[in-house]
Amino acid sequence: MPSKMRYPNLIAEMKRYGITQRDLARVVDRRPETVSKWMNNATGDFTIGDAVRISRELFGGVSVDYLFSAEPYTPADPSISPRP
């Protein structure tokens, strides 16, 4: 069975904003290969500081809880948004 992506909301927002793993790597000062491993459950993880920087610098302050949740965001009410 294939492994599930670790951060479905982060991936969805990356697509929405046109952000790449290379962009994430630049913000957290890591190699793109390292970020790819983190996102694909291979090894390691983002720190809380990394998550805050990513939220602020790339997503305009979208909730860190939302971005880095292991569960995809599926609102019961479509008018509710995790965006500020």
C-alpha atoms as a PDB file:
ATOM      1  CA  MET A   1       0.000   0.000   0.000  1.00  0.00           C
ATOM      2  CA  PRO A   2       1.476   3.421  -0.960  1.00  0.00           C
ATOM      3  CA  SER A   3       2.232   5.807   1.870  1.00  0.00           C
ATOM      4  CA  LYS A   4      -0.063   8.762   2.359  1.00  0.00           C
ATOM      5  CA  MET A   5       1.312  12.263   1.935  1.00  0.00           C
ATOM      6  CA  ARG A   6       2.017  13.746   5.305  1.00  0.00           C
ATOM      7  CA  TYR A   7       0.500  17.217   4.875  1.00  0.00           C
ATOM      8  CA  PRO A   8      -2.526  17.186   2.551  1.00  0.00           C
ATOM      9  CA  ASN A   9      -3.555  20.772   3.370  1.00  0.00           C
ATOM     10  CA  LEU A  10      -0.045  22.122   2.831  1.00  0.00           C
ATOM     11  CA  ILE A  11       0.068  20.359  -0.529  1.00  0.00           C
ATOM     12  CA  ALA A  12      -3.348  21.749  -1.499  1.00  0.00           C
ATOM     13  CA  GLU A  13      -2.300  25.294  -0.569  1.00  0.00           C
ATOM     14  CA  MET A  14       1.016  24.917  -2.397  1.00  0.00           C
ATOM     15  CA  LYS A  15      -0.942  24.098  -5.552  1.00  0.00           C
ATOM     16  CA  ARG A  16      -3.357  26.979  -4.940  1.00  0.00           C
ATOM     17  CA  TYR A  17      -0.546  29.502  -4.374  1.00  0.00           C
ATOM     18  CA  GLY A  18       1.860  28.049  -6.976  1.00  0.00           C
ATOM     19  CA  ILE A  19       4.496  27.238  -4.341  1.00  0.00           C
ATOM     20  CA  THR A  20       7.073  24.475  -4.835  1.00  0.00           C
ATOM     21  CA  GLN A  21       9.051  22.309  -2.443  1.00  0.00           C
ATOM     22  CA  ARG A  22      12.055  24.352  -3.558  1.00  0.00           C
ATOM     23  CA  ASP A  23      10.275  27.467  -2.194  1.00  0.00           C
ATOM     24  CA  LEU A  24       9.680  25.712   1.135  1.00  0.00           C
ATOM     25  CA  ALA A  25      13.330  24.638   1.235  1.00  0.00           C
ATOM     26  CA  ARG A  26      14.494  28.214   0.668  1.00  0.00           C
ATOM     27  CA  VAL A  27      12.370  29.520   3.564  1.00  0.00           C
ATOM     28  CA  VAL A  28      13.568  26.856   6.025  1.00  0.00           C
ATOM     29  CA  ASP A  29      17.164  26.912   4.721  1.00  0.00           C
ATOM     30  CA  ARG A  30      17.268  23.230   3.755  1.00  0.00           C
ATOM     31  CA  ARG A  31      17.901  21.312   0.540  1.00  0.00           C
ATOM     32  CA  PRO A  32      14.826  20.594  -1.606  1.00  0.00           C
ATOM     33  CA  GLU A  33      15.595  16.871  -1.292  1.00  0.00           C
ATOM     34  CA  THR A  34      15.347  17.149   2.499  1.00  0.00           C
ATOM     35  CA  VAL A  35      11.974  18.883   2.306  1.00  0.00           C
ATOM     36  CA  SER A  36      10.771  16.234  -0.137  1.00  0.00           C
ATOM     37  CA  LYS A  37      11.720  13.484   2.331  1.00  0.00           C
ATOM     38  CA  TRP A  38       9.880  15.288   5.127  1.00  0.00           C
ATOM     39  CA  MET A  39       6.748  15.651   3.016  1.00  0.00           C
ATOM     40  CA  ASN A  40       6.810  12.040   1.836  1.00  0.00           C
ATOM     41  CA  ASN A  41       7.185  10.441   5.289  1.00  0.00           C
ATOM     42  CA  ALA A  42      10.700   9.242   4.506  1.00  0.00           C
ATOM     43  CA  THR A  43      12.535  10.860   7.403  1.00  0.00           C
ATOM     44  CA  GLY A  44      12.654  13.965   9.595  1.00  0.00           C
ATOM     45  CA  ASP A  45      10.096  16.726   9.896  1.00  0.00           C
ATOM     46  CA  PHE A  46       9.577  20.473   9.906  1.00  0.00           C
ATOM     47  CA  THR A  47      10.199  22.235  13.215  1.00  0.00           C
ATOM     48  CA  ILE A  48       7.551  24.507  14.703  1.00  0.00           C
ATOM     49  CA  GLY A  49       9.730  27.459  13.715  1.00  0.00           C
ATOM     50  CA  ASP A  50       9.873  26.142  10.139  1.00  0.00           C
ATOM     51  CA  ALA A  51       6.080  25.832  10.064  1.00  0.00           C
ATOM     52  CA  VAL A  52       5.589  29.393  11.334  1.00  0.00           C
ATOM     53  CA  ARG A  53       8.064  30.796   8.773  1.00  0.00           C
ATOM     54  CA  ILE A  54       6.384  28.881   5.949  1.00  0.00           C
ATOM     55  CA  SER A  55       2.949  30.104   7.023  1.00  0.00           C
ATOM     56  CA  ARG A  56       4.031  33.752   7.300  1.00  0.00           C
ATOM     57  CA  GLU A  57       6.425  34.038   4.363  1.00  0.00           C
ATOM     58  CA  LEU A  58       4.642  31.920   1.768  1.00  0.00           C
ATOM     59  CA  PHE A  59       0.963  31.749   2.738  1.00  0.00           C
ATOM     60  CA  GLY A  60       0.176  35.122   4.282  1.00  0.00           C
ATOM     61  CA  GLY A  61      -0.343  33.720   7.768  1.00  0.00           C
ATOM     62  CA  VAL A  62      -2.628  30.783   6.964  1.00  0.00           C
ATOM     63  CA  SER A  63      -3.057  28.746  10.157  1.00  0.00           C
ATOM     64  CA  VAL A  64      -0.101  26.491  10.976  1.00  0.00           C
ATOM     65  CA  ASP A  65      -2.544  23.980  12.495  1.00  0.00           C
ATOM     66  CA  TYR A  66      -4.375  23.823   9.181  1.00  0.00           C
ATOM     67  CA  LEU A  67      -1.292  23.706   6.936  1.00  0.00           C
ATOM     68  CA  PHE A  68       0.480  20.977   8.890  1.00  0.00           C
ATOM     69  CA  SER A  69      -2.512  18.839   9.850  1.00  0.00           C
ATOM     70  CA  ALA A  70      -2.288  15.171   8.917  1.00  0.00           C
ATOM     71  CA  GLU A  71      -5.988  15.218   8.028  1.00  0.00           C
ATOM     72  CA  PRO A  72      -7.320  17.011   4.956  1.00  0.00           C
ATOM     73  CA  TYR A  73      -9.560  19.991   5.638  1.00  0.00           C
ATOM     74  CA  THR A  74     -13.126  19.262   4.583  1.00  0.00           C
ATOM     75  CA  PRO A  75     -15.448  21.914   5.995  1.00  0.00           C
ATOM     76  CA  ALA A  76     -19.072  21.063   6.684  1.00  0.00           C
ATOM     77  CA  ASP A  77     -19.847  24.660   5.773  1.00  0.00           C
ATOM     78  CA  PRO A  78     -18.007  25.779   2.594  1.00  0.00           C
ATOM     79  CA  SER A  79     -18.143  29.405   3.771  1.00  0.00           C
ATOM     80  CA  ILE A  80     -15.728  28.541   6.608  1.00  0.00           C
ATOM     81  CA  SER A  81     -12.106  28.960   5.616  1.00  0.00           C
ATOM     82  CA  PRO A  82      -8.780  28.437   7.425  1.00  0.00           C
ATOM     83  CA  ARG A  83      -7.422  31.529   5.676  1.00  0.00           C
ATOM     84  CA  PRO A  84      -7.114  34.757   7.636  1.00  0.00           C
END
